[in-house]
PDB file of N, CA and C in Angstrom:
ATOM      1  N   MET A   1      -5.120  -1.528   5.333  1.00  0.00           N
ATOM      2  CA  MET A   1      -3.978  -1.361   6.182  1.00  0.00           C
ATOM      3  C   MET A   1      -4.251  -1.943   7.809  1.00  0.00           C
ATOM      4  N   LEU A   2      -3.249  -2.407   8.388  1.00  0.00           N
ATOM      5  CA  LEU A   2      -3.209  -3.041   9.576  1.00  0.00           C
ATOM      6  C   LEU A   2      -2.829  -1.738  10.483  1.00  0.00           C
ATOM      7  N   VAL A   3      -3.301  -1.609  11.612  1.00  0.00           N
ATOM      8  CA  VAL A   3      -3.073  -0.408  12.304  1.00  0.00           C
ATOM      9  C   VAL A   3      -2.929  -1.075  13.850  1.00  0.00           C
ATOM     10  N   LEU A   4      -1.456  -0.565  14.276  1.00  0.00           N
ATOM     11  CA  LEU A   4      -1.013  -1.233  15.724  1.00  0.00           C
ATOM     12  C   LEU A   4      -0.724  -0.110  16.458  1.00  0.00           C
ATOM     13  N   THR A   5      -0.965  -0.311  17.815  1.00  0.00           N
ATOM     14  CA  THR A   5      -0.349   0.769  18.868  1.00  0.00           C
ATOM     15  C   THR A   5       0.601   0.260  19.261  1.00  0.00           C
ATOM     16  N   ARG A   6       1.783   1.045  19.487  1.00  0.00           N
ATOM     17  CA  ARG A   6       2.996   0.742  20.183  1.00  0.00           C
ATOM     18  C   ARG A   6       3.411   1.819  21.149  1.00  0.00           C
ATOM     19  N   ARG A   7       3.832   1.288  22.446  1.00  0.00           N
ATOM     20  CA  ARG A   7       4.356   2.364  23.252  1.00  0.00           C
ATOM     21  C   ARG A   7       5.973   2.521  23.068  1.00  0.00           C
ATOM     22  N   VAL A   8       6.484   3.377  23.772  1.00  0.00           N
ATOM     23  CA  VAL A   8       7.929   3.515  23.693  1.00  0.00           C
ATOM     24  C   VAL A   8       8.521   1.982  24.023  1.00  0.00           C
ATOM     25  N   GLY A   9       9.629   1.685  22.975  1.00  0.00           N
ATOM     26  CA  GLY A   9      10.340   0.319  23.644  1.00  0.00           C
ATOM     27  C   GLY A   9       9.652  -0.716  22.969  1.00  0.00           C
ATOM     28  N   GLU A  10       8.281  -0.711  22.574  1.00  0.00           N
ATOM     29  CA  GLU A  10       7.697  -1.947  21.759  1.00  0.00           C
ATOM     30  C   GLU A  10       8.019  -2.002  20.399  1.00  0.00           C
ATOM     31  N   SER A  11       8.230  -3.311  19.949  1.00  0.00           N
ATOM     32  CA  SER A  11       8.745  -3.421  18.426  1.00  0.00           C
ATOM     33  C   SER A  11       7.330  -4.131  17.594  1.00  0.00           C
ATOM     34  N   ILE A  12       7.274  -4.016  16.260  1.00  0.00           N
ATOM     35  CA  ILE A  12       6.511  -4.620  15.489  1.00  0.00           C
ATOM     36  C   ILE A  12       7.495  -5.667  14.513  1.00  0.00           C
ATOM     37  N   LEU A  13       7.337  -6.935  14.162  1.00  0.00           N
ATOM     38  CA  LEU A  13       7.884  -7.772  13.460  1.00  0.00           C
ATOM     39  C   LEU A  13       7.565  -7.898  12.025  1.00  0.00           C
ATOM     40  N   ILE A  14       8.085  -8.040  11.195  1.00  0.00           N
ATOM     41  CA  ILE A  14       7.718  -8.215   9.749  1.00  0.00           C
ATOM     42  C   ILE A  14       8.404  -9.461   9.290  1.00  0.00           C
ATOM     43  N   PHE A  15       7.991 -10.587   8.773  1.00  0.00           N
ATOM     44  CA  PHE A  15       8.640 -11.725   8.302  1.00  0.00           C
ATOM     45  C   PHE A  15       7.838 -12.417   7.190  1.00  0.00           C
ATOM     46  N   PRO A  16       8.415 -13.367   6.370  1.00  0.00           N
ATOM     47  CA  PRO A  16       7.578 -14.095   5.514  1.00  0.00           C
ATOM     48  C   PRO A  16       6.599 -14.967   6.306  1.00  0.00           C
ATOM     49  N   SER A  17       5.357 -15.167   5.675  1.00  0.00           N
ATOM     50  CA  SER A  17       4.507 -16.139   6.242  1.00  0.00           C
ATOM     51  C   SER A  17       5.038 -17.646   6.041  1.00  0.00           C
ATOM     52  N   ASP A  18       4.535 -18.473   6.963  1.00  0.00           N
ATOM     53  CA  ASP A  18       4.661 -19.852   7.064  1.00  0.00           C
ATOM     54  C   ASP A  18       4.193 -20.463   5.685  1.00  0.00           C
ATOM     55  N   GLU A  19       3.236 -19.873   4.910  1.00  0.00           N
ATOM     56  CA  GLU A  19       2.794 -20.623   3.718  1.00  0.00           C
ATOM     57  C   GLU A  19       4.031 -20.442   2.526  1.00  0.00           C
ATOM     58  N   LEU A  20       4.904 -19.738   2.680  1.00  0.00           N
ATOM     59  CA  LEU A  20       5.899 -19.445   1.721  1.00  0.00           C
ATOM     60  C   LEU A  20       6.848 -20.542   1.578  1.00  0.00           C
ATOM     61  N   SER A  21       7.562 -20.975   0.509  1.00  0.00           N
ATOM     62  CA  SER A  21       8.345 -21.988   0.532  1.00  0.00           C
ATOM     63  C   SER A  21       9.842 -21.251   0.968  1.00  0.00           C
ATOM     64  N   PRO A  22      10.482 -21.919   1.637  1.00  0.00           N
ATOM     65  CA  PRO A  22      11.949 -21.661   2.016  1.00  0.00           C
ATOM     66  C   PRO A  22      12.901 -20.924   0.915  1.00  0.00           C
ATOM     67  N   GLY A  23      12.553 -21.476  -0.190  1.00  0.00           N
ATOM     68  CA  GLY A  23      13.374 -20.883  -1.259  1.00  0.00           C
ATOM     69  C   GLY A  23      12.776 -19.621  -2.045  1.00  0.00           C
ATOM     70  N   THR A  24      11.844 -18.951  -1.421  1.00  0.00           N
ATOM     71  CA  THR A  24      11.230 -17.807  -1.894  1.00  0.00           C
ATOM     72  C   THR A  24      12.148 -16.655  -2.098  1.00  0.00           C
ATOM     73  N   LEU A  25      12.507 -15.968  -3.319  1.00  0.00           N
ATOM     74  CA  LEU A  25      13.408 -15.030  -3.173  1.00  0.00           C
ATOM     75  C   LEU A  25      12.732 -13.578  -2.645  1.00  0.00           C
ATOM     76  N   VAL A  26      13.525 -12.789  -2.145  1.00  0.00           N
ATOM     77  CA  VAL A  26      12.961 -11.580  -1.684  1.00  0.00           C
ATOM     78  C   VAL A  26      12.431 -10.764  -2.676  1.00  0.00           C
ATOM     79  N   SER A  27      12.990 -10.781  -3.831  1.00  0.00           N
ATOM     80  CA  SER A  27      12.387  -9.978  -5.136  1.00  0.00           C
ATOM     81  C   SER A  27      10.988 -10.546  -5.271  1.00  0.00           C
ATOM     82  N   ALA A  28      10.675 -11.845  -5.149  1.00  0.00           N
ATOM     83  CA  ALA A  28       9.268 -12.388  -5.172  1.00  0.00           C
ATOM     84  C   ALA A  28       8.121 -11.682  -4.084  1.00  0.00           C
ATOM     85  N   LEU A  29       8.858 -11.524  -2.954  1.00  0.00           N
ATOM     86  CA  LEU A  29       8.116 -10.978  -1.879  1.00  0.00           C
ATOM     87  C   LEU A  29       7.463  -9.423  -1.992  1.00  0.00           C
ATOM     88  N   PHE A  30       8.209  -8.687  -2.735  1.00  0.00           N
ATOM     89  CA  PHE A  30       8.099  -7.230  -3.110  1.00  0.00           C
ATOM     90  C   PHE A  30       7.743  -7.045  -4.535  1.00  0.00           C
ATOM     91  N   GLY A  31       7.323  -8.095  -5.330  1.00  0.00           N
ATOM     92  CA  GLY A  31       6.779  -7.853  -6.487  1.00  0.00           C
ATOM     93  C   GLY A  31       5.787  -7.039  -6.601  1.00  0.00           C
ATOM     94  N   ASP A  32       4.897  -6.876  -5.804  1.00  0.00           N
ATOM     95  CA  ASP A  32       3.614  -5.889  -5.532  1.00  0.00           C
ATOM     96  C   ASP A  32       3.939  -4.592  -5.164  1.00  0.00           C
ATOM     97  N   GLY A  33       5.213  -4.402  -4.714  1.00  0.00           N
ATOM     98  CA  GLY A  33       5.679  -2.965  -4.265  1.00  0.00           C
ATOM     99  C   GLY A  33       6.217  -3.228  -2.682  1.00  0.00           C
ATOM    100  N   PRO A  34       6.532  -2.001  -2.114  1.00  0.00           N
ATOM    101  CA  PRO A  34       7.353  -1.845  -0.900  1.00  0.00           C
ATOM    102  C   PRO A  34       6.251  -1.983   0.276  1.00  0.00           C
ATOM    103  N   ILE A  35       6.709  -2.117   1.412  1.00  0.00           N
ATOM    104  CA  ILE A  35       6.076  -2.165   2.702  1.00  0.00           C
ATOM    105  C   ILE A  35       6.004  -0.503   2.763  1.00  0.00           C
ATOM    106  N   GLN A  36       4.674  -0.175   3.103  1.00  0.00           N
ATOM    107  CA  GLN A  36       4.332   1.272   3.589  1.00  0.00           C
ATOM    108  C   GLN A  36       3.988   1.404   4.975  1.00  0.00           C
ATOM    109  N   VAL A  37       4.891   2.063   5.733  1.00  0.00           N
ATOM    110  CA  VAL A  37       4.681   2.294   7.115  1.00  0.00           C
ATOM    111  C   VAL A  37       4.221   3.629   7.509  1.00  0.00           C
ATOM    112  N   THR A  38       2.997   3.996   8.015  1.00  0.00           N
ATOM    113  CA  THR A  38       2.520   5.303   8.327  1.00  0.00           C
ATOM    114  C   THR A  38       2.464   5.685   9.657  1.00  0.00           C
ATOM    115  N   LEU A  39       2.815   6.788  10.220  1.00  0.00           N
ATOM    116  CA  LEU A  39       2.569   7.074  11.755  1.00  0.00           C
ATOM    117  C   LEU A  39       0.993   7.831  11.648  1.00  0.00           C
ATOM    118  N   THR A  40       0.109   7.245  12.145  1.00  0.00           N
ATOM    119  CA  THR A  40      -1.327   7.525  12.015  1.00  0.00           C
ATOM    120  C   THR A  40      -1.771   8.515  13.236  1.00  0.00           C
ATOM    121  N   ARG A  41      -1.020   8.354  14.400  1.00  0.00           N
ATOM    122  CA  ARG A  41      -1.428   9.021  15.438  1.00  0.00           C
ATOM    123  C   ARG A  41      -0.540   8.909  16.613  1.00  0.00           C
ATOM    124  N   THR A  42      -0.247  10.124  17.318  1.00  0.00           N
ATOM    125  CA  THR A  42       0.278   9.889  18.586  1.00  0.00           C
ATOM    126  C   THR A  42      -0.399  10.515  19.702  1.00  0.00           C
ATOM    127  N   ASN A  43      -0.088   9.797  20.906  1.00  0.00           N
ATOM    128  CA  ASN A  43      -0.901  10.213  22.029  1.00  0.00           C
ATOM    129  C   ASN A  43      -0.120  10.001  23.307  1.00  0.00           C
ATOM    130  N   GLY A  44       0.625  11.078  23.972  1.00  0.00           N
ATOM    131  CA  GLY A  44       1.493  10.714  25.115  1.00  0.00           C
ATOM    132  C   GLY A  44       2.573   9.976  24.555  1.00  0.00           C
ATOM    133  N   ASN A  45       2.929   8.454  25.212  1.00  0.00           N
ATOM    134  CA  ASN A  45       3.923   7.697  24.911  1.00  0.00           C
ATOM    135  C   ASN A  45       3.614   6.857  24.023  1.00  0.00           C
ATOM    136  N   GLN A  46       2.366   6.912  23.404  1.00  0.00           N
ATOM    137  CA  GLN A  46       1.684   5.743  22.308  1.00  0.00           C
ATOM    138  C   GLN A  46       1.856   6.311  21.032  1.00  0.00           C
ATOM    139  N   ALA A  47       1.957   5.358  20.084  1.00  0.00           N
ATOM    140  CA  ALA A  47       2.087   5.824  18.616  1.00  0.00           C
ATOM    141  C   ALA A  47       1.155   4.782  17.952  1.00  0.00           C
ATOM    142  N   ARG A  48       0.543   5.175  16.844  1.00  0.00           N
ATOM    143  CA  ARG A  48      -0.560   4.213  16.061  1.00  0.00           C
ATOM    144  C   ARG A  48       0.186   4.275  14.906  1.00  0.00           C
ATOM    145  N   ILE A  49       0.549   3.010  14.318  1.00  0.00           N
ATOM    146  CA  ILE A  49       1.261   2.814  13.277  1.00  0.00           C
ATOM    147  C   ILE A  49       0.436   2.101  12.227  1.00  0.00           C
ATOM    148  N   GLY A  50       0.317   2.532  10.874  1.00  0.00           N
ATOM    149  CA  GLY A  50      -0.281   1.674   9.764  1.00  0.00           C
ATOM    150  C   GLY A  50       0.622   1.106   8.895  1.00  0.00           C
ATOM    151  N   ILE A  51       0.417  -0.058   8.567  1.00  0.00           N
ATOM    152  CA  ILE A  51       1.243  -0.912   7.784  1.00  0.00           C
ATOM    153  C   ILE A  51       0.476  -1.382   6.676  1.00  0.00           C
ATOM    154  N   VAL A  52       1.123  -1.216   5.422  1.00  0.00           N
ATOM    155  CA  VAL A  52       0.475  -1.842   4.181  1.00  0.00           C
ATOM    156  C   VAL A  52       1.541  -2.872   3.679  1.00  0.00           C
ATOM    157  N   ALA A  53       1.449  -4.073   3.637  1.00  0.00           N
ATOM    158  CA  ALA A  53       2.461  -5.141   3.243  1.00  0.00           C
ATOM    159  C   ALA A  53       1.765  -6.015   2.110  1.00  0.00           C
ATOM    160  N   PRO A  54       2.572  -6.747   1.441  1.00  0.00           N
ATOM    161  CA  PRO A  54       2.093  -7.943   0.584  1.00  0.00           C
ATOM    162  C   PRO A  54       1.429  -9.012   1.513  1.00  0.00           C
ATOM    163  N   ALA A  55       0.544  -9.758   1.341  1.00  0.00           N
ATOM    164  CA  ALA A  55      -0.046 -10.820   1.767  1.00  0.00           C
ATOM    165  C   ALA A  55       0.846 -11.885   2.474  1.00  0.00           C
ATOM    166  N   ALA A  56       2.060 -11.957   1.568  1.00  0.00           N
ATOM    167  CA  ALA A  56       3.019 -13.272   1.760  1.00  0.00           C
ATOM    168  C   ALA A  56       3.708 -12.612   3.146  1.00  0.00           C
ATOM    169  N   LEU A  57       3.554 -11.582   3.443  1.00  0.00           N
ATOM    170  CA  LEU A  57       4.331 -11.369   4.956  1.00  0.00           C
ATOM    171  C   LEU A  57       3.377 -11.195   6.172  1.00  0.00           C
ATOM    172  N   THR A  58       4.135 -11.650   7.210  1.00  0.00           N
ATOM    173  CA  THR A  58       3.301 -11.697   8.308  1.00  0.00           C
ATOM    174  C   THR A  58       3.549 -10.522   9.382  1.00  0.00           C
ATOM    175  N   ILE A  59       2.800  -9.804   9.964  1.00  0.00           N
ATOM    176  CA  ILE A  59       3.174  -8.618  10.712  1.00  0.00           C
ATOM    177  C   ILE A  59       2.690  -8.996  12.055  1.00  0.00           C
ATOM    178  N   ALA A  60       3.542  -8.749  13.077  1.00  0.00           N
ATOM    179  CA  ALA A  60       3.039  -9.141  14.322  1.00  0.00           C
ATOM    180  C   ALA A  60       3.698  -8.175  15.419  1.00  0.00           C
ATOM    181  N   ARG A  61       3.043  -8.206  16.541  1.00  0.00           N
ATOM    182  CA  ARG A  61       3.500  -7.454  17.689  1.00  0.00           C
ATOM    183  C   ARG A  61       4.579  -8.340  18.213  1.00  0.00           C
ATOM    184  N   GLU A  62       5.786  -7.892  18.745  1.00  0.00           N
ATOM    185  CA  GLU A  62       6.867  -8.509  19.062  1.00  0.00           C
ATOM    186  C   GLU A  62       6.304  -9.685  20.001  1.00  0.00           C
ATOM    187  N   GLU A  63       5.657  -9.224  21.109  1.00  0.00           N
ATOM    188  CA  GLU A  63       5.211 -10.131  22.018  1.00  0.00           C
ATOM    189  C   GLU A  63       4.380 -11.326  21.774  1.00  0.00           C
ATOM    190  N   LEU A  64       3.879 -11.290  20.535  1.00  0.00           N
ATOM    191  CA  LEU A  64       2.934 -12.382  19.998  1.00  0.00           C
ATOM    192  C   LEU A  64       3.861 -13.434  19.261  1.00  0.00           C
ATOM    193  N   ALA A  65       4.887 -12.981  18.749  1.00  0.00           N
ATOM    194  CA  ALA A  65       5.861 -13.956  17.871  1.00  0.00           C
ATOM    195  C   ALA A  65       6.553 -14.981  18.600  1.00  0.00           C
TER     196      ALA A  65
END
């Protein structure tokens, strides 16, 4: 599980990794199951979010993408 902290108005992006061929079908990306997003903790205006996703997907904070 990848855990990220986000503040109000900040985003997380989930997209196919650069290693995938452009013709990869969406059904192939989710062959091992869905993406699971869990709110693990809140503290004031911050939230910790846990994400479990297939390795073929990249998860990044919006400011790094």
